[in-house]
Amino acid sequence: MAPIPKPPAEPQDNPDTYVGLDAERAERLARDRGWSTVRSLPPGAIITMEYLSGRLNFEVKDGRVARAWKG
């Protein structure tokens, strides 16, 4: 039987550090820090709640990150 794959470790990065940044700058910074997926969403967007290791989510309002969370 094949071994169960182990997902890569998430960056040791606090999502709150992105709040207030310009959305484009925040995305570049997140990728530079090792996040494999960065998702920008408008306020109130309806999304599925599955957790994806290595993903960082941004709620973007008026071009700035208003909220950030893992998964």
PDB file of N, CA and C in Angstrom:
ATOM      1  N   MET A   1       0.836  -1.166   0.000  1.00  0.00           N
ATOM      2  CA  MET A   1       0.000   0.000   0.000  1.00  0.00           C
ATOM      3  C   MET A   1       0.892   1.244   0.000  1.00  0.00           C
ATOM      4  N   ALA A   2       0.494   2.222  -0.754  1.00  0.00           N
ATOM      5  CA  ALA A   2       1.263   3.460  -0.849  1.00  0.00           C
ATOM      6  C   ALA A   2       1.126   4.260   0.447  1.00  0.00           C
ATOM      7  N   PRO A   3       2.192   4.970   0.825  1.00  0.00           N
ATOM      8  CA  PRO A   3       2.107   5.787   2.040  1.00  0.00           C
ATOM      9  C   PRO A   3       1.160   6.976   1.836  1.00  0.00           C
ATOM     10  N   ILE A   4       0.569   7.411   2.909  1.00  0.00           N
ATOM     11  CA  ILE A   4      -0.309   8.578   2.859  1.00  0.00           C
ATOM     12  C   ILE A   4       0.573   9.815   2.694  1.00  0.00           C
ATOM     13  N   PRO A   5       0.286  10.647   1.680  1.00  0.00           N
ATOM     14  CA  PRO A   5       1.120  11.831   1.464  1.00  0.00           C
ATOM     15  C   PRO A   5       0.985  12.808   2.631  1.00  0.00           C
ATOM     16  N   LYS A   6       2.079  13.442   2.963  1.00  0.00           N
ATOM     17  CA  LYS A   6       2.091  14.440   4.031  1.00  0.00           C
ATOM     18  C   LYS A   6       2.143  15.818   3.390  1.00  0.00           C
ATOM     19  N   PRO A   7       1.165  16.693   3.710  1.00  0.00           N
ATOM     20  CA  PRO A   7       1.193  18.027   3.104  1.00  0.00           C
ATOM     21  C   PRO A   7       2.390  18.815   3.607  1.00  0.00           C
ATOM     22  N   PRO A   8       2.892  19.746   2.805  1.00  0.00           N
ATOM     23  CA  PRO A   8       4.019  20.565   3.250  1.00  0.00           C
ATOM     24  C   PRO A   8       3.616  21.425   4.444  1.00  0.00           C
ATOM     25  N   ALA A   9       4.577  21.768   5.253  1.00  0.00           N
ATOM     26  CA  ALA A   9       4.314  22.614   6.416  1.00  0.00           C
ATOM     27  C   ALA A   9       3.898  24.010   5.965  1.00  0.00           C
ATOM     28  N   GLU A  10       2.978  24.591   6.709  1.00  0.00           N
ATOM     29  CA  GLU A  10       2.567  25.961   6.407  1.00  0.00           C
ATOM     30  C   GLU A  10       3.642  26.931   6.874  1.00  0.00           C
ATOM     31  N   PRO A  11       3.724  28.077   6.223  1.00  0.00           N
ATOM     32  CA  PRO A  11       4.657  29.100   6.686  1.00  0.00           C
ATOM     33  C   PRO A  11       4.316  29.520   8.117  1.00  0.00           C
ATOM     34  N   GLN A  12       5.324  29.800   8.901  1.00  0.00           N
ATOM     35  CA  GLN A  12       5.114  30.309  10.256  1.00  0.00           C
ATOM     36  C   GLN A  12       4.914  31.816  10.147  1.00  0.00           C
ATOM     37  N   ASP A  13       3.709  32.188   9.780  1.00  0.00           N
ATOM     38  CA  ASP A  13       3.391  33.555   9.412  1.00  0.00           C
ATOM     39  C   ASP A  13       2.032  33.895  10.018  1.00  0.00           C
ATOM     40  N   ASN A  14       1.916  35.034  10.666  1.00  0.00           N
ATOM     41  CA  ASN A  14       0.662  35.460  11.267  1.00  0.00           C
ATOM     42  C   ASN A  14      -0.184  36.189  10.216  1.00  0.00           C
ATOM     43  N   PRO A  15      -1.372  35.672   9.891  1.00  0.00           N
ATOM     44  CA  PRO A  15      -2.212  36.324   8.886  1.00  0.00           C
ATOM     45  C   PRO A  15      -2.547  37.776   9.213  1.00  0.00           C
ATOM     46  N   ASP A  16      -2.595  38.128  10.490  1.00  0.00           N
ATOM     47  CA  ASP A  16      -2.937  39.505  10.872  1.00  0.00           C
ATOM     48  C   ASP A  16      -1.931  40.534  10.351  1.00  0.00           C
ATOM     49  N   THR A  17      -0.708  40.097  10.021  1.00  0.00           N
ATOM     50  CA  THR A  17       0.294  41.042   9.529  1.00  0.00           C
ATOM     51  C   THR A  17      -0.054  41.597   8.139  1.00  0.00           C
ATOM     52  N   TYR A  18      -1.002  40.969   7.447  1.00  0.00           N
ATOM     53  CA  TYR A  18      -1.381  41.405   6.106  1.00  0.00           C
ATOM     54  C   TYR A  18      -2.509  42.436   6.123  1.00  0.00           C
ATOM     55  N   VAL A  19      -3.231  42.530   7.237  1.00  0.00           N
ATOM     56  CA  VAL A  19      -4.374  43.445   7.323  1.00  0.00           C
ATOM     57  C   VAL A  19      -3.890  44.887   7.170  1.00  0.00           C
ATOM     58  N   GLY A  20      -4.555  45.602   6.263  1.00  0.00           N
ATOM     59  CA  GLY A  20      -4.222  46.996   5.993  1.00  0.00           C
ATOM     60  C   GLY A  20      -3.304  47.195   4.803  1.00  0.00           C
ATOM     61  N   LEU A  21      -2.678  46.122   4.337  1.00  0.00           N
ATOM     62  CA  LEU A  21      -1.781  46.232   3.188  1.00  0.00           C
ATOM     63  C   LEU A  21      -2.561  46.308   1.884  1.00  0.00           C
ATOM     64  N   ASP A  22      -1.954  46.909   0.882  1.00  0.00           N
ATOM     65  CA  ASP A  22      -2.484  46.883  -0.473  1.00  0.00           C
ATOM     66  C   ASP A  22      -2.601  45.426  -0.896  1.00  0.00           C
ATOM     67  N   ALA A  23      -3.707  45.035  -1.509  1.00  0.00           N
ATOM     68  CA  ALA A  23      -3.975  43.632  -1.829  1.00  0.00           C
ATOM     69  C   ALA A  23      -2.890  43.005  -2.713  1.00  0.00           C
ATOM     70  N   GLU A  24      -2.422  43.733  -3.720  1.00  0.00           N
ATOM     71  CA  GLU A  24      -1.393  43.171  -4.609  1.00  0.00           C
ATOM     72  C   GLU A  24      -0.083  42.963  -3.858  1.00  0.00           C
ATOM     73  N   ARG A  25       0.290  43.933  -3.044  1.00  0.00           N
ATOM     74  CA  ARG A  25       1.519  43.808  -2.254  1.00  0.00           C
ATOM     75  C   ARG A  25       1.406  42.651  -1.258  1.00  0.00           C
ATOM     76  N   ALA A  26       0.236  42.522  -0.636  1.00  0.00           N
ATOM     77  CA  ALA A  26       0.020  41.452   0.333  1.00  0.00           C
ATOM     78  C   ALA A  26       0.145  40.081  -0.331  1.00  0.00           C
ATOM     79  N   GLU A  27      -0.394  39.941  -1.533  1.00  0.00           N
ATOM     80  CA  GLU A  27      -0.311  38.665  -2.241  1.00  0.00           C
ATOM     81  C   GLU A  27       1.145  38.323  -2.591  1.00  0.00           C
ATOM     82  N   ARG A  28       1.897  39.296  -3.091  1.00  0.00           N
ATOM     83  CA  ARG A  28       3.312  39.051  -3.407  1.00  0.00           C
ATOM     84  C   ARG A  28       4.086  38.654  -2.151  1.00  0.00           C
ATOM     85  N   LEU A  29       3.852  39.360  -1.065  1.00  0.00           N
ATOM     86  CA  LEU A  29       4.526  39.073   0.194  1.00  0.00           C
ATOM     87  C   LEU A  29       4.176  37.672   0.704  1.00  0.00           C
ATOM     88  N   ALA A  30       2.905  37.301   0.619  1.00  0.00           N
ATOM     89  CA  ALA A  30       2.472  35.981   1.067  1.00  0.00           C
ATOM     90  C   ALA A  30       3.149  34.873   0.252  1.00  0.00           C
ATOM     91  N   ARG A  31       3.219  35.053  -1.048  1.00  0.00           N
ATOM     92  CA  ARG A  31       3.878  34.045  -1.894  1.00  0.00           C
ATOM     93  C   ARG A  31       5.373  33.978  -1.595  1.00  0.00           C
ATOM     94  N   ASP A  32       5.994  35.138  -1.369  1.00  0.00           N
ATOM     95  CA  ASP A  32       7.415  35.162  -1.011  1.00  0.00           C
ATOM     96  C   ASP A  32       7.671  34.446   0.315  1.00  0.00           C
ATOM     97  N   ARG A  33       6.706  34.501   1.211  1.00  0.00           N
ATOM     98  CA  ARG A  33       6.848  33.856   2.522  1.00  0.00           C
ATOM     99  C   ARG A  33       6.490  32.372   2.497  1.00  0.00           C
ATOM    100  N   GLY A  34       6.069  31.871   1.323  1.00  0.00           N
ATOM    101  CA  GLY A  34       5.870  30.437   1.186  1.00  0.00           C
ATOM    102  C   GLY A  34       4.448  29.929   1.105  1.00  0.00           C
ATOM    103  N   TRP A  35       3.458  30.805   1.062  1.00  0.00           N
ATOM    104  CA  TRP A  35       2.078  30.342   0.904  1.00  0.00           C
ATOM    105  C   TRP A  35       1.894  29.840  -0.520  1.00  0.00           C
ATOM    106  N   SER A  36       1.401  28.617  -0.683  1.00  0.00           N
ATOM    107  CA  SER A  36       1.263  28.038  -2.017  1.00  0.00           C
ATOM    108  C   SER A  36       0.036  28.564  -2.749  1.00  0.00           C
ATOM    109  N   THR A  37      -1.003  28.942  -2.004  1.00  0.00           N
ATOM    110  CA  THR A  37      -2.219  29.487  -2.601  1.00  0.00           C
ATOM    111  C   THR A  37      -2.624  30.729  -1.830  1.00  0.00           C
ATOM    112  N   VAL A  38      -2.915  31.790  -2.561  1.00  0.00           N
ATOM    113  CA  VAL A  38      -3.404  33.027  -1.952  1.00  0.00           C
ATOM    114  C   VAL A  38      -4.722  33.355  -2.654  1.00  0.00           C
ATOM    115  N   ARG A  39      -5.772  33.497  -1.847  1.00  0.00           N
ATOM    116  CA  ARG A  39      -7.100  33.730  -2.410  1.00  0.00           C
ATOM    117  C   ARG A  39      -7.626  35.075  -1.919  1.00  0.00           C
ATOM    118  N   SER A  40      -7.975  35.969  -2.861  1.00  0.00           N
ATOM    119  CA  SER A  40      -8.546  37.273  -2.529  1.00  0.00           C
ATOM    120  C   SER A  40     -10.039  37.232  -2.781  1.00  0.00           C
ATOM    121  N   LEU A  41     -10.800  37.686  -1.791  1.00  0.00           N
ATOM    122  CA  LEU A  41     -12.254  37.615  -1.857  1.00  0.00           C
ATOM    123  C   LEU A  41     -12.872  38.966  -1.510  1.00  0.00           C
ATOM    124  N   PRO A  42     -14.004  39.300  -2.133  1.00  0.00           N
ATOM    125  CA  PRO A  42     -14.703  40.519  -1.745  1.00  0.00           C
ATOM    126  C   PRO A  42     -15.423  40.302  -0.409  1.00  0.00           C
ATOM    127  N   PRO A  43     -15.725  41.371   0.318  1.00  0.00           N
ATOM    128  CA  PRO A  43     -16.448  41.221   1.583  1.00  0.00           C
ATOM    129  C   PRO A  43     -17.778  40.479   1.378  1.00  0.00           C
ATOM    130  N   GLY A  44     -18.061  39.558   2.274  1.00  0.00           N
ATOM    131  CA  GLY A  44     -19.324  38.821   2.219  1.00  0.00           C
ATOM    132  C   GLY A  44     -19.388  37.728   1.175  1.00  0.00           C
ATOM    133  N   ALA A  45     -18.266  37.405   0.538  1.00  0.00           N
ATOM    134  CA  ALA A  45     -18.270  36.356  -0.490  1.00  0.00           C
ATOM    135  C   ALA A  45     -18.685  35.023   0.134  1.00  0.00           C
ATOM    136  N   ILE A  46     -19.433  34.254  -0.597  1.00  0.00           N
ATOM    137  CA  ILE A  46     -19.840  32.928  -0.145  1.00  0.00           C
ATOM    138  C   ILE A  46     -18.787  31.948  -0.631  1.00  0.00           C
ATOM    139  N   ILE A  47     -18.163  31.246   0.329  1.00  0.00           N
ATOM    140  CA  ILE A  47     -17.103  30.297  -0.010  1.00  0.00           C
ATOM    141  C   ILE A  47     -17.346  28.981   0.724  1.00  0.00           C
ATOM    142  N   THR A  48     -16.745  27.935   0.224  1.00  0.00           N
ATOM    143  CA  THR A  48     -16.799  26.662   0.935  1.00  0.00           C
ATOM    144  C   THR A  48     -15.837  26.731   2.114  1.00  0.00           C
ATOM    145  N   MET A  49     -16.057  25.923   3.104  1.00  0.00           N
ATOM    146  CA  MET A  49     -15.288  26.016   4.335  1.00  0.00           C
ATOM    147  C   MET A  49     -14.224  24.917   4.473  1.00  0.00           C
ATOM    148  N   GLU A  50     -13.914  24.208   3.383  1.00  0.00           N
ATOM    149  CA  GLU A  50     -12.869  23.184   3.498  1.00  0.00           C
ATOM    150  C   GLU A  50     -11.529  23.845   3.803  1.00  0.00           C
ATOM    151  N   TYR A  51     -10.742  23.162   4.599  1.00  0.00           N
ATOM    152  CA  TYR A  51      -9.425  23.686   4.978  1.00  0.00           C
ATOM    153  C   TYR A  51      -8.401  23.163   3.986  1.00  0.00           C
ATOM    154  N   LEU A  52      -7.634  24.049   3.408  1.00  0.00           N
ATOM    155  CA  LEU A  52      -6.573  23.668   2.478  1.00  0.00           C
ATOM    156  C   LEU A  52      -5.249  24.154   3.055  1.00  0.00           C
ATOM    157  N   SER A  53      -4.414  23.226   3.456  1.00  0.00           N
ATOM    158  CA  SER A  53      -3.114  23.568   4.018  1.00  0.00           C
ATOM    159  C   SER A  53      -2.309  24.359   2.998  1.00  0.00           C
ATOM    160  N   GLY A  54      -1.668  25.427   3.453  1.00  0.00           N
ATOM    161  CA  GLY A  54      -0.847  26.235   2.561  1.00  0.00           C
ATOM    162  C   GLY A  54      -1.597  27.350   1.867  1.00  0.00           C
ATOM    163  N   ARG A  55      -2.910  27.490   2.181  1.00  0.00           N
ATOM    164  CA  ARG A  55      -3.694  28.557   1.543  1.00  0.00           C
ATOM    165  C   ARG A  55      -3.886  29.708   2.528  1.00  0.00           C
ATOM    166  N   LEU A  56      -3.750  30.920   2.039  1.00  0.00           N
ATOM    167  CA  LEU A  56      -4.010  32.126   2.810  1.00  0.00           C
ATOM    168  C   LEU A  56      -5.127  32.883   2.105  1.00  0.00           C
ATOM    169  N   ASN A  57      -6.151  33.238   2.862  1.00  0.00           N
ATOM    170  CA  ASN A  57      -7.317  33.935   2.324  1.00  0.00           C
ATOM    171  C   ASN A  57      -7.281  35.403   2.730  1.00  0.00           C
ATOM    172  N   PHE A  58      -7.621  36.264   1.793  1.00  0.00           N
ATOM    173  CA  PHE A  58      -7.727  37.694   2.063  1.00  0.00           C
ATOM    174  C   PHE A  58      -9.141  38.156   1.738  1.00  0.00           C
ATOM    175  N   GLU A  59      -9.740  38.913   2.645  1.00  0.00           N
ATOM    176  CA  GLU A  59     -10.956  39.653   2.321  1.00  0.00           C
ATOM    177  C   GLU A  59     -10.484  41.047   1.939  1.00  0.00           C
ATOM    178  N   VAL A  60     -10.772  41.444   0.716  1.00  0.00           N
ATOM    179  CA  VAL A  60     -10.250  42.705   0.177  1.00  0.00           C
ATOM    180  C   VAL A  60     -11.388  43.707   0.002  1.00  0.00           C
ATOM    181  N   LYS A  61     -11.207  44.872   0.610  1.00  0.00           N
ATOM    182  CA  LYS A  61     -12.180  45.959   0.497  1.00  0.00           C
ATOM    183  C   LYS A  61     -11.440  47.223   0.070  1.00  0.00           C
ATOM    184  N   ASP A  62     -11.893  47.829  -1.002  1.00  0.00           N
ATOM    185  CA  ASP A  62     -11.279  49.053  -1.535  1.00  0.00           C
ATOM    186  C   ASP A  62      -9.782  48.876  -1.793  1.00  0.00           C
ATOM    187  N   GLY A  63      -9.385  47.685  -2.280  1.00  0.00           N
ATOM    188  CA  GLY A  63      -8.004  47.431  -2.656  1.00  0.00           C
ATOM    189  C   GLY A  63      -7.070  47.106  -1.510  1.00  0.00           C
ATOM    190  N   ARG A  64      -7.609  47.011  -0.286  1.00  0.00           N
ATOM    191  CA  ARG A  64      -6.786  46.724   0.890  1.00  0.00           C
ATOM    192  C   ARG A  64      -7.298  45.476   1.601  1.00  0.00           C
ATOM    193  N   VAL A  65      -6.384  44.763   2.234  1.00  0.00           N
ATOM    194  CA  VAL A  65      -6.754  43.558   2.984  1.00  0.00           C
ATOM    195  C   VAL A  65      -7.452  43.993   4.272  1.00  0.00           C
ATOM    196  N   ALA A  66      -8.713  43.589   4.404  1.00  0.00           N
ATOM    197  CA  ALA A  66      -9.498  43.924   5.593  1.00  0.00           C
ATOM    198  C   ALA A  66      -9.463  42.791   6.613  1.00  0.00           C
ATOM    199  N   ARG A  67      -9.200  41.571   6.141  1.00  0.00           N
ATOM    200  CA  ARG A  67      -9.171  40.382   7.003  1.00  0.00           C
ATOM    201  C   ARG A  67      -8.320  39.330   6.316  1.00  0.00           C
ATOM    202  N   ALA A  68      -7.611  38.524   7.098  1.00  0.00           N
ATOM    203  CA  ALA A  68      -6.796  37.446   6.532  1.00  0.00           C
ATOM    204  C   ALA A  68      -6.890  36.237   7.450  1.00  0.00           C
ATOM    205  N   TRP A  69      -6.964  35.022   6.828  1.00  0.00           N
ATOM    206  CA  TRP A  69      -7.017  33.803   7.618  1.00  0.00           C
ATOM    207  C   TRP A  69      -6.462  32.636   6.816  1.00  0.00           C
ATOM    208  N   LYS A  70      -6.006  31.616   7.561  1.00  0.00           N
ATOM    209  CA  LYS A  70      -5.434  30.414   6.945  1.00  0.00           C
ATOM    210  C   LYS A  70      -6.537  29.490   6.456  1.00  0.00           C
ATOM    211  N   GLY A  71      -6.161  28.668   5.469  1.00  0.00           N
ATOM    212  CA  GLY A  71      -7.018  27.580   5.031  1.00  0.00           C
ATOM    213  C   GLY A  71      -7.827  27.866   3.850  1.00  0.00           C
TER     214      GLY A  71
END
